[in-house]
Amino acid sequence: MSLAKIQQIIRYIELHYNEDLSIQMLEKLSNYSYRNTQRIFKHIFNESIGVFQKRLKLENAYKKLIYSNDSISTIAYAVGFDSLQAFSKSFKKQFGQSPSNARDEKKHVFFDFIAGLKAEYQPIPYDVIFLKTQQVFSIGIHTDQYRNREIDQLWAHIDSLLAADFTAGYYGIIVDQPLITDRLKCRYEACVDEDPGNTLFFSKHIMGRRYLRYIHRGDYHTIMDTYRQIYKDSLSQDMYVFDSDPILERYVKNETNTTDAIDYVTEILIPLQQK
């Protein structure tokens, strides 16, 4: 099965994770029987389609618990569970605690991560912006908690696929919350905003909403410290409420348009809850 078809299947599940998946659609996307699609999917990702879908339900629920004020029952039904009891049982099995405890102790999700912050880091200025919907063309990978080496290798592969005169905007989609998702299952999507004319890229739309925009300056090896500072600052303010949708990174200045890594500029776009 081609990488493009795998990405189409993942995208379909992501869009419909809270619904009953259509076997006919999965077969259409893969050009294989459902049984063979399951076999190939499990071989590549070490989990079945059903397990992947259920994990998305629970991880999205966890993000909604810590980012929103929606009731637990509302969240349970929103992510596709038929009852609050079934949701609570599955959530506790996955995360070792009840949904209510996860909400009550939500700050602890970030504590260990923030503890690694270097003392010299200062609060980072931000602004609120609205970004219109943008079509992008993406390639996705699974990473080990968004390690730079894996992401750099993906971008190097993408650069090898693009024409020398290709001048597009570069984006990264931080699909999962690495403090919640198993470290080996964190998904990253590298995106360009012009059609590269290559079948390995999958078309999708991003943005179309409000974001808190932070700026990271310099190379990507220190970007985790910027995220630590962002989460530290967010825990001390209640003016803005983060949404559970993916964080975006916009690579304004990178290796394609500047020669020194010290001059890199990355916009970190944190989605805000819709009003």
C-alpha atoms as a PDB file:
ATOM      1  CA  MET A   1       0.000   0.000   0.000  1.00  0.00           C
ATOM      2  CA  SER A   2       1.411   3.410  -0.963  1.00  0.00           C
ATOM      3  CA  LEU A   3       2.261   6.140   1.533  1.00  0.00           C
ATOM      4  CA  ALA A   4      -0.374   8.367  -0.054  1.00  0.00           C
ATOM      5  CA  LYS A   5      -3.096   5.775   0.584  1.00  0.00           C
ATOM      6  CA  ILE A   6      -1.924   5.285   4.176  1.00  0.00           C
ATOM      7  CA  GLN A   7      -2.178   9.035   4.722  1.00  0.00           C
ATOM      8  CA  GLN A   8      -5.663   9.085   3.216  1.00  0.00           C
ATOM      9  CA  ILE A   9      -6.785   6.342   5.620  1.00  0.00           C
ATOM     10  CA  ILE A  10      -5.312   8.163   8.618  1.00  0.00           C
ATOM     11  CA  ARG A  11      -6.917  11.415   7.523  1.00  0.00           C
ATOM     12  CA  TYR A  12     -10.289   9.688   7.124  1.00  0.00           C
ATOM     13  CA  ILE A  13     -10.068   8.211  10.633  1.00  0.00           C
ATOM     14  CA  GLU A  14      -8.979  11.556  12.104  1.00  0.00           C
ATOM     15  CA  LEU A  15     -11.999  13.281  10.566  1.00  0.00           C
ATOM     16  CA  HIS A  16     -14.436  10.568  11.664  1.00  0.00           C
ATOM     17  CA  TYR A  17     -12.843   9.195  14.841  1.00  0.00           C
ATOM     18  CA  ASN A  18     -16.042   9.850  16.833  1.00  0.00           C
ATOM     19  CA  GLU A  19     -18.274   7.992  14.350  1.00  0.00           C
ATOM     20  CA  ASP A  20     -18.721   4.436  13.110  1.00  0.00           C
ATOM     21  CA  LEU A  21     -16.097   4.048  10.398  1.00  0.00           C
ATOM     22  CA  SER A  22     -17.308   2.959   6.980  1.00  0.00           C
ATOM     23  CA  ILE A  23     -15.702  -0.321   5.926  1.00  0.00           C
ATOM     24  CA  GLN A  24     -16.620   0.494   2.334  1.00  0.00           C
ATOM     25  CA  MET A  25     -14.795   3.824   2.525  1.00  0.00           C
ATOM     26  CA  LEU A  26     -11.687   2.218   4.039  1.00  0.00           C
ATOM     27  CA  GLU A  27     -11.651  -0.342   1.230  1.00  0.00           C
ATOM     28  CA  LYS A  28     -12.113   2.405  -1.355  1.00  0.00           C
ATOM     29  CA  LEU A  29      -9.245   4.453   0.080  1.00  0.00           C
ATOM     30  CA  SER A  30      -6.876   1.501   0.306  1.00  0.00           C
ATOM     31  CA  ASN A  31      -7.917  -0.510  -2.776  1.00  0.00           C
ATOM     32  CA  TYR A  32      -7.669  -3.552  -0.503  1.00  0.00           C
ATOM     33  CA  SER A  33     -10.199  -5.630   1.377  1.00  0.00           C
ATOM     34  CA  TYR A  34     -10.925  -4.464   4.898  1.00  0.00           C
ATOM     35  CA  ARG A  35      -9.106  -7.496   6.279  1.00  0.00           C
ATOM     36  CA  ASN A  36      -5.950  -6.724   4.310  1.00  0.00           C
ATOM     37  CA  THR A  37      -6.221  -3.017   5.129  1.00  0.00           C
ATOM     38  CA  GLN A  38      -6.334  -3.940   8.821  1.00  0.00           C
ATOM     39  CA  ARG A  39      -3.322  -6.231   8.436  1.00  0.00           C
ATOM     40  CA  ILE A  40      -1.208  -3.601   6.672  1.00  0.00           C
ATOM     41  CA  PHE A  41      -2.243  -0.847   9.079  1.00  0.00           C
ATOM     42  CA  LYS A  42      -1.314  -2.942  12.118  1.00  0.00           C
ATOM     43  CA  HIS A  43       2.012  -3.936  10.554  1.00  0.00           C
ATOM     44  CA  ILE A  44       2.942  -0.285   9.989  1.00  0.00           C
ATOM     45  CA  PHE A  45       1.587   1.285  13.177  1.00  0.00           C
ATOM     46  CA  ASN A  46       1.624  -1.648  15.598  1.00  0.00           C
ATOM     47  CA  GLU A  47      -2.052  -1.130  16.430  1.00  0.00           C
ATOM     48  CA  SER A  48      -5.290  -1.994  14.679  1.00  0.00           C
ATOM     49  CA  ILE A  49      -7.591   0.566  13.093  1.00  0.00           C
ATOM     50  CA  GLY A  50     -10.067   0.067  15.935  1.00  0.00           C
ATOM     51  CA  VAL A  51      -7.417   0.601  18.623  1.00  0.00           C
ATOM     52  CA  PHE A  52      -6.128   3.684  16.797  1.00  0.00           C
ATOM     53  CA  GLN A  53      -9.648   5.120  16.567  1.00  0.00           C
ATOM     54  CA  LYS A  54     -10.367   4.462  20.249  1.00  0.00           C
ATOM     55  CA  ARG A  55      -7.054   6.038  21.255  1.00  0.00           C
ATOM     56  CA  LEU A  56      -7.982   9.163  19.286  1.00  0.00           C
ATOM     57  CA  LYS A  57     -11.323   9.288  21.097  1.00  0.00           C
ATOM     58  CA  LEU A  58      -9.695   9.094  24.515  1.00  0.00           C
ATOM     59  CA  GLU A  59      -6.798  11.446  23.780  1.00  0.00           C
ATOM     60  CA  ASN A  60      -9.146  14.049  22.307  1.00  0.00           C
ATOM     61  CA  ALA A  61     -11.345  13.648  25.361  1.00  0.00           C
ATOM     62  CA  TYR A  62      -8.343  14.218  27.644  1.00  0.00           C
ATOM     63  CA  LYS A  63      -7.457  17.414  25.778  1.00  0.00           C
ATOM     64  CA  LYS A  64     -11.042  18.625  26.047  1.00  0.00           C
ATOM     65  CA  LEU A  65     -11.006  17.893  29.785  1.00  0.00           C
ATOM     66  CA  ILE A  66      -7.942  20.046  30.408  1.00  0.00           C
ATOM     67  CA  TYR A  67      -8.648  22.785  27.873  1.00  0.00           C
ATOM     68  CA  SER A  68     -12.425  23.258  28.030  1.00  0.00           C
ATOM     69  CA  ASN A  69     -15.173  23.719  30.592  1.00  0.00           C
ATOM     70  CA  ASP A  70     -17.558  21.330  28.855  1.00  0.00           C
ATOM     71  CA  SER A  71     -19.210  18.783  31.125  1.00  0.00           C
ATOM     72  CA  ILE A  72     -17.710  15.313  31.220  1.00  0.00           C
ATOM     73  CA  SER A  73     -20.864  13.798  29.758  1.00  0.00           C
ATOM     74  CA  THR A  74     -20.833  16.332  26.892  1.00  0.00           C
ATOM     75  CA  ILE A  75     -17.214  15.405  26.147  1.00  0.00           C
ATOM     76  CA  ALA A  76     -17.957  11.685  26.317  1.00  0.00           C
ATOM     77  CA  TYR A  77     -20.690  11.936  23.686  1.00  0.00           C
ATOM     78  CA  ALA A  78     -18.710  14.435  21.570  1.00  0.00           C
ATOM     79  CA  VAL A  79     -15.820  11.996  21.127  1.00  0.00           C
ATOM     80  CA  GLY A  80     -18.141   9.130  20.218  1.00  0.00           C
ATOM     81  CA  PHE A  81     -18.987   7.135  23.353  1.00  0.00           C
ATOM     82  CA  ASP A  82     -22.538   5.882  23.793  1.00  0.00           C
ATOM     83  CA  SER A  83     -22.590   6.331  27.553  1.00  0.00           C
ATOM     84  CA  LEU A  84     -20.755   8.154  30.300  1.00  0.00           C
ATOM     85  CA  GLN A  85     -20.109   4.834  32.055  1.00  0.00           C
ATOM     86  CA  ALA A  86     -18.382   3.328  29.005  1.00  0.00           C
ATOM     87  CA  PHE A  87     -16.313   6.478  28.563  1.00  0.00           C
ATOM     88  CA  SER A  88     -15.230   6.601  32.207  1.00  0.00           C
ATOM     89  CA  LYS A  89     -14.245   2.930  32.186  1.00  0.00           C
ATOM     90  CA  SER A  90     -12.198   3.263  28.977  1.00  0.00           C
ATOM     91  CA  PHE A  91     -10.596   6.506  30.114  1.00  0.00           C
ATOM     92  CA  LYS A  92      -9.467   5.025  33.429  1.00  0.00           C
ATOM     93  CA  LYS A  93      -8.063   1.949  31.692  1.00  0.00           C
ATOM     94  CA  GLN A  94      -6.091   4.138  29.265  1.00  0.00           C
ATOM     95  CA  PHE A  95      -4.807   6.807  31.655  1.00  0.00           C
ATOM     96  CA  GLY A  96      -5.029   5.222  35.110  1.00  0.00           C
ATOM     97  CA  GLN A  97      -7.401   7.839  36.494  1.00  0.00           C
ATOM     98  CA  SER A  98     -11.002   8.931  36.149  1.00  0.00           C
ATOM     99  CA  PRO A  99     -12.030  11.770  33.820  1.00  0.00           C
ATOM    100  CA  SER A 100     -13.026  13.913  36.801  1.00  0.00           C
ATOM    101  CA  ASN A 101      -9.643  13.413  38.449  1.00  0.00           C
ATOM    102  CA  ALA A 102      -7.878  14.230  35.172  1.00  0.00           C
ATOM    103  CA  ARG A 103      -9.758  17.524  35.048  1.00  0.00           C
ATOM    104  CA  ASP A 104      -9.159  18.342  38.718  1.00  0.00           C
ATOM    105  CA  GLU A 105      -5.445  17.613  38.390  1.00  0.00           C
ATOM    106  CA  LYS A 106      -4.971  19.092  34.909  1.00  0.00           C
ATOM    107  CA  LYS A 107      -2.105  21.358  35.963  1.00  0.00           C
ATOM    108  CA  HIS A 108      -0.080  18.307  36.940  1.00  0.00           C
ATOM    109  CA  VAL A 109      -0.073  17.199  33.298  1.00  0.00           C
ATOM    110  CA  PHE A 110       2.345  20.053  32.618  1.00  0.00           C
ATOM    111  CA  PHE A 111       4.392  20.165  35.843  1.00  0.00           C
ATOM    112  CA  ASP A 112       7.147  17.690  34.951  1.00  0.00           C
ATOM    113  CA  PHE A 113       7.481  19.212  31.484  1.00  0.00           C
ATOM    114  CA  ILE A 114       7.722  22.769  32.841  1.00  0.00           C
ATOM    115  CA  ALA A 115      10.217  21.668  35.485  1.00  0.00           C
ATOM    116  CA  GLY A 116      12.822  21.278  32.747  1.00  0.00           C
ATOM    117  CA  LEU A 117      12.692  24.991  31.929  1.00  0.00           C
ATOM    118  CA  LYS A 118      15.980  26.825  32.179  1.00  0.00           C
ATOM    119  CA  ALA A 119      15.976  29.564  34.816  1.00  0.00           C
ATOM    120  CA  GLU A 120      16.974  32.341  32.403  1.00  0.00           C
ATOM    121  CA  TYR A 121      13.842  32.007  30.270  1.00  0.00           C
ATOM    122  CA  GLN A 122      11.463  34.957  30.539  1.00  0.00           C
ATOM    123  CA  PRO A 123       7.750  35.274  29.702  1.00  0.00           C
ATOM    124  CA  ILE A 124       7.257  35.333  25.934  1.00  0.00           C
ATOM    125  CA  PRO A 125       5.216  38.136  24.323  1.00  0.00           C
ATOM    126  CA  TYR A 126       2.206  37.015  22.313  1.00  0.00           C
ATOM    127  CA  ASP A 127      -0.653  38.448  20.325  1.00  0.00           C
ATOM    128  CA  VAL A 128      -4.054  37.194  19.209  1.00  0.00           C
ATOM    129  CA  ILE A 129      -4.558  36.773  15.477  1.00  0.00           C
ATOM    130  CA  PHE A 130      -7.205  35.365  13.174  1.00  0.00           C
ATOM    131  CA  LEU A 131      -5.876  33.259  10.296  1.00  0.00           C
ATOM    132  CA  LYS A 132      -8.096  32.502   7.327  1.00  0.00           C
ATOM    133  CA  THR A 133      -8.483  28.966   6.057  1.00  0.00           C
ATOM    134  CA  GLN A 134      -5.443  27.816   4.102  1.00  0.00           C
ATOM    135  CA  GLN A 135      -5.038  24.824   1.817  1.00  0.00           C
ATOM    136  CA  VAL A 136      -1.786  22.969   2.408  1.00  0.00           C
ATOM    137  CA  PHE A 137      -0.120  19.825   1.107  1.00  0.00           C
ATOM    138  CA  SER A 138       1.303  17.583   3.797  1.00  0.00           C
ATOM    139  CA  ILE A 139       3.318  14.489   4.596  1.00  0.00           C
ATOM    140  CA  GLY A 140       2.934  12.964   8.066  1.00  0.00           C
ATOM    141  CA  ILE A 141       5.100  10.794  10.301  1.00  0.00           C
ATOM    142  CA  HIS A 142       5.016   9.248  13.753  1.00  0.00           C
ATOM    143  CA  THR A 143       7.740  10.626  16.013  1.00  0.00           C
ATOM    144  CA  ASP A 144       9.263   9.954  19.404  1.00  0.00           C
ATOM    145  CA  GLN A 145       7.796  12.975  21.243  1.00  0.00           C
ATOM    146  CA  TYR A 146       8.566  15.302  18.333  1.00  0.00           C
ATOM    147  CA  ARG A 147      12.317  14.761  18.284  1.00  0.00           C
ATOM    148  CA  ASN A 148      14.098  17.275  16.066  1.00  0.00           C
ATOM    149  CA  ARG A 149      16.137  14.603  14.307  1.00  0.00           C
ATOM    150  CA  GLU A 150      13.075  12.803  12.953  1.00  0.00           C
ATOM    151  CA  ILE A 151      11.401  16.041  11.887  1.00  0.00           C
ATOM    152  CA  ASP A 152      14.599  17.307  10.261  1.00  0.00           C
ATOM    153  CA  GLN A 153      14.847  14.053   8.301  1.00  0.00           C
ATOM    154  CA  LEU A 154      11.264  14.475   7.086  1.00  0.00           C
ATOM    155  CA  TRP A 155      11.923  18.030   5.879  1.00  0.00           C
ATOM    156  CA  ALA A 156      15.161  16.905   4.205  1.00  0.00           C
ATOM    157  CA  HIS A 157      13.139  14.243   2.372  1.00  0.00           C
ATOM    158  CA  ILE A 158      10.557  16.845   1.364  1.00  0.00           C
ATOM    159  CA  ASP A 159      13.267  19.192   0.087  1.00  0.00           C
ATOM    160  CA  SER A 160      14.542  16.347  -2.095  1.00  0.00           C
ATOM    161  CA  LEU A 161      11.084  16.027  -3.645  1.00  0.00           C
ATOM    162  CA  LEU A 162      10.594  19.723  -4.426  1.00  0.00           C
ATOM    163  CA  ALA A 163      11.854  21.653  -7.408  1.00  0.00           C
ATOM    164  CA  ALA A 164      14.850  23.917  -6.824  1.00  0.00           C
ATOM    165  CA  ASP A 165      12.757  27.054  -7.489  1.00  0.00           C
ATOM    166  CA  PHE A 166       9.873  25.961  -5.237  1.00  0.00           C
ATOM    167  CA  THR A 167       9.050  28.900  -2.947  1.00  0.00           C
ATOM    168  CA  ALA A 168       6.216  28.024  -0.585  1.00  0.00           C
ATOM    169  CA  GLY A 169       5.272  28.715   3.001  1.00  0.00           C
ATOM    170  CA  TYR A 170       6.310  25.950   5.412  1.00  0.00           C
ATOM    171  CA  TYR A 171       4.126  24.759   8.312  1.00  0.00           C
ATOM    172  CA  GLY A 172       4.263  22.012  10.908  1.00  0.00           C
ATOM    173  CA  ILE A 173       1.199  20.487  12.549  1.00  0.00           C
ATOM    174  CA  ILE A 174       1.696  19.187  16.083  1.00  0.00           C
ATOM    175  CA  VAL A 175      -1.176  16.729  15.790  1.00  0.00           C
ATOM    176  CA  ASP A 176      -0.998  15.252  19.289  1.00  0.00           C
ATOM    177  CA  GLN A 177      -0.375  16.555  22.790  1.00  0.00           C
ATOM    178  CA  PRO A 178       2.889  14.767  23.692  1.00  0.00           C
ATOM    179  CA  LEU A 179       2.148  15.016  27.412  1.00  0.00           C
ATOM    180  CA  ILE A 180      -0.870  12.779  26.807  1.00  0.00           C
ATOM    181  CA  THR A 181      -0.084  10.643  23.743  1.00  0.00           C
ATOM    182  CA  ASP A 182       2.276   7.675  23.989  1.00  0.00           C
ATOM    183  CA  ARG A 183       5.718   9.013  23.067  1.00  0.00           C
ATOM    184  CA  LEU A 184       6.163   6.705  20.061  1.00  0.00           C
ATOM    185  CA  LYS A 185       2.767   7.572  18.577  1.00  0.00           C
ATOM    186  CA  CYS A 186       3.047  11.381  18.393  1.00  0.00           C
ATOM    187  CA  ARG A 187       2.118  12.532  14.889  1.00  0.00           C
ATOM    188  CA  TYR A 188       3.720  15.424  13.013  1.00  0.00           C
ATOM    189  CA  GLU A 189       2.705  16.764   9.611  1.00  0.00           C
ATOM    190  CA  ALA A 190       5.048  18.819   7.446  1.00  0.00           C
ATOM    191  CA  CYS A 191       3.082  21.107   5.125  1.00  0.00           C
ATOM    192  CA  VAL A 192       3.689  23.464   2.218  1.00  0.00           C
ATOM    193  CA  ASP A 193       1.097  25.959   0.999  1.00  0.00           C
ATOM    194  CA  GLU A 194       1.692  25.483  -2.730  1.00  0.00           C
ATOM    195  CA  ASP A 195       0.886  22.339  -4.669  1.00  0.00           C
ATOM    196  CA  PRO A 196       4.189  20.484  -5.159  1.00  0.00           C
ATOM    197  CA  GLY A 197       2.659  18.252  -7.805  1.00  0.00           C
ATOM    198  CA  ASN A 198       3.780  15.095  -6.012  1.00  0.00           C
ATOM    199  CA  THR A 199       1.431  12.240  -5.087  1.00  0.00           C
ATOM    200  CA  LEU A 200       3.169  11.715  -1.735  1.00  0.00           C
ATOM    201  CA  PHE A 201       1.558  14.935  -0.478  1.00  0.00           C
ATOM    202  CA  PHE A 202      -1.964  14.939   0.898  1.00  0.00           C
ATOM    203  CA  SER A 203      -4.201  18.003   0.487  1.00  0.00           C
ATOM    204  CA  LYS A 204      -5.991  19.404   3.544  1.00  0.00           C
ATOM    205  CA  HIS A 205      -7.157  22.701   5.035  1.00  0.00           C
ATOM    206  CA  ILE A 206      -5.837  24.297   8.209  1.00  0.00           C
ATOM    207  CA  MET A 207      -6.446  27.450  10.261  1.00  0.00           C
ATOM    208  CA  GLY A 208      -9.660  29.425   9.789  1.00  0.00           C
ATOM    209  CA  ARG A 209      -9.761  30.494  13.440  1.00  0.00           C
ATOM    210  CA  ARG A 210      -8.145  32.555  16.239  1.00  0.00           C
ATOM    211  CA  TYR A 211      -4.718  31.741  17.638  1.00  0.00           C
ATOM    212  CA  LEU A 212      -2.378  32.964  20.297  1.00  0.00           C
ATOM    213  CA  ARG A 213       0.837  33.648  18.396  1.00  0.00           C
ATOM    214  CA  TYR A 214       4.200  33.225  20.107  1.00  0.00           C
ATOM    215  CA  ILE A 215       7.565  33.699  18.429  1.00  0.00           C
ATOM    216  CA  HIS A 216      10.480  31.282  18.806  1.00  0.00           C
ATOM    217  CA  ARG A 217      13.812  32.660  17.612  1.00  0.00           C
ATOM    218  CA  GLY A 218      16.842  30.573  16.743  1.00  0.00           C
ATOM    219  CA  ASP A 219      17.223  26.944  15.761  1.00  0.00           C
ATOM    220  CA  TYR A 220      14.802  24.196  16.687  1.00  0.00           C
ATOM    221  CA  HIS A 221      16.934  22.528  19.358  1.00  0.00           C
ATOM    222  CA  THR A 222      15.677  25.024  21.957  1.00  0.00           C
ATOM    223  CA  ILE A 223      12.050  25.119  20.833  1.00  0.00           C
ATOM    224  CA  MET A 224      10.939  22.810  23.659  1.00  0.00           C
ATOM    225  CA  ASP A 225      12.065  25.431  26.169  1.00  0.00           C
ATOM    226  CA  THR A 226       9.841  27.930  24.382  1.00  0.00           C
ATOM    227  CA  TYR A 227       6.932  25.509  24.755  1.00  0.00           C
ATOM    228  CA  ARG A 228       7.762  25.065  28.445  1.00  0.00           C
ATOM    229  CA  GLN A 229       7.588  28.822  28.929  1.00  0.00           C
ATOM    230  CA  ILE A 230       4.307  29.034  27.004  1.00  0.00           C
ATOM    231  CA  TYR A 231       2.680  26.406  29.227  1.00  0.00           C
ATOM    232  CA  LYS A 232       4.130  27.996  32.361  1.00  0.00           C
ATOM    233  CA  ASP A 233       2.676  31.364  31.366  1.00  0.00           C
ATOM    234  CA  SER A 234      -0.678  29.830  30.409  1.00  0.00           C
ATOM    235  CA  LEU A 235      -1.119  28.232  33.844  1.00  0.00           C
ATOM    236  CA  SER A 236      -0.783  31.629  35.505  1.00  0.00           C
ATOM    237  CA  GLN A 237      -3.441  33.380  33.377  1.00  0.00           C
ATOM    238  CA  ASP A 238      -7.098  32.707  32.713  1.00  0.00           C
ATOM    239  CA  MET A 239      -7.740  35.307  30.016  1.00  0.00           C
ATOM    240  CA  TYR A 240      -7.519  32.860  27.123  1.00  0.00           C
ATOM    241  CA  VAL A 241      -8.660  29.258  26.932  1.00  0.00           C
ATOM    242  CA  PHE A 242      -6.692  26.908  24.675  1.00  0.00           C
ATOM    243  CA  ASP A 243      -8.579  24.610  22.317  1.00  0.00           C
ATOM    244  CA  SER A 244      -7.925  20.897  21.835  1.00  0.00           C
ATOM    245  CA  ASP A 245      -7.169  21.267  18.100  1.00  0.00           C
ATOM    246  CA  PRO A 246      -3.545  20.820  16.949  1.00  0.00           C
ATOM    247  CA  ILE A 247      -0.889  23.467  17.508  1.00  0.00           C
ATOM    248  CA  LEU A 248       0.609  24.888  14.314  1.00  0.00           C
ATOM    249  CA  GLU A 249       4.164  26.008  13.670  1.00  0.00           C
ATOM    250  CA  ARG A 250       4.794  28.459  10.845  1.00  0.00           C
ATOM    251  CA  TYR A 251       8.429  28.531   9.751  1.00  0.00           C
ATOM    252  CA  VAL A 252       8.767  32.172   8.732  1.00  0.00           C
ATOM    253  CA  LYS A 253      12.553  32.137   8.476  1.00  0.00           C
ATOM    254  CA  ASN A 254      14.241  28.795   8.032  1.00  0.00           C
ATOM    255  CA  GLU A 255      17.030  27.123   6.098  1.00  0.00           C
ATOM    256  CA  THR A 256      15.319  27.951   2.793  1.00  0.00           C
ATOM    257  CA  ASN A 257      15.471  31.733   3.235  1.00  0.00           C
ATOM    258  CA  THR A 258      18.268  32.449   5.725  1.00  0.00           C
ATOM    259  CA  THR A 259      21.777  31.073   6.109  1.00  0.00           C
ATOM    260  CA  ASP A 260      22.292  31.211   9.877  1.00  0.00           C
ATOM    261  CA  ALA A 261      20.156  29.159  12.280  1.00  0.00           C
ATOM    262  CA  ILE A 262      20.370  31.961  14.830  1.00  0.00           C
ATOM    263  CA  ASP A 263      18.116  33.993  12.514  1.00  0.00           C
ATOM    264  CA  TYR A 264      15.362  31.371  12.274  1.00  0.00           C
ATOM    265  CA  VAL A 265      11.882  32.654  13.193  1.00  0.00           C
ATOM    266  CA  THR A 266       9.074  30.222  14.064  1.00  0.00           C
ATOM    267  CA  GLU A 267       5.534  31.283  14.883  1.00  0.00           C
ATOM    268  CA  ILE A 268       3.925  28.930  17.406  1.00  0.00           C
ATOM    269  CA  LEU A 269       0.165  29.153  16.921  1.00  0.00           C
ATOM    270  CA  ILE A 270      -1.937  27.950  19.853  1.00  0.00           C
ATOM    271  CA  PRO A 271      -5.628  27.493  18.893  1.00  0.00           C
ATOM    272  CA  LEU A 272      -8.105  29.319  21.082  1.00  0.00           C
ATOM    273  CA  GLN A 273     -11.556  28.081  21.959  1.00  0.00           C
ATOM    274  CA  GLN A 274     -14.175  29.303  19.536  1.00  0.00           C
ATOM    275  CA  LYS A 275     -16.488  31.957  20.918  1.00  0.00           C
END
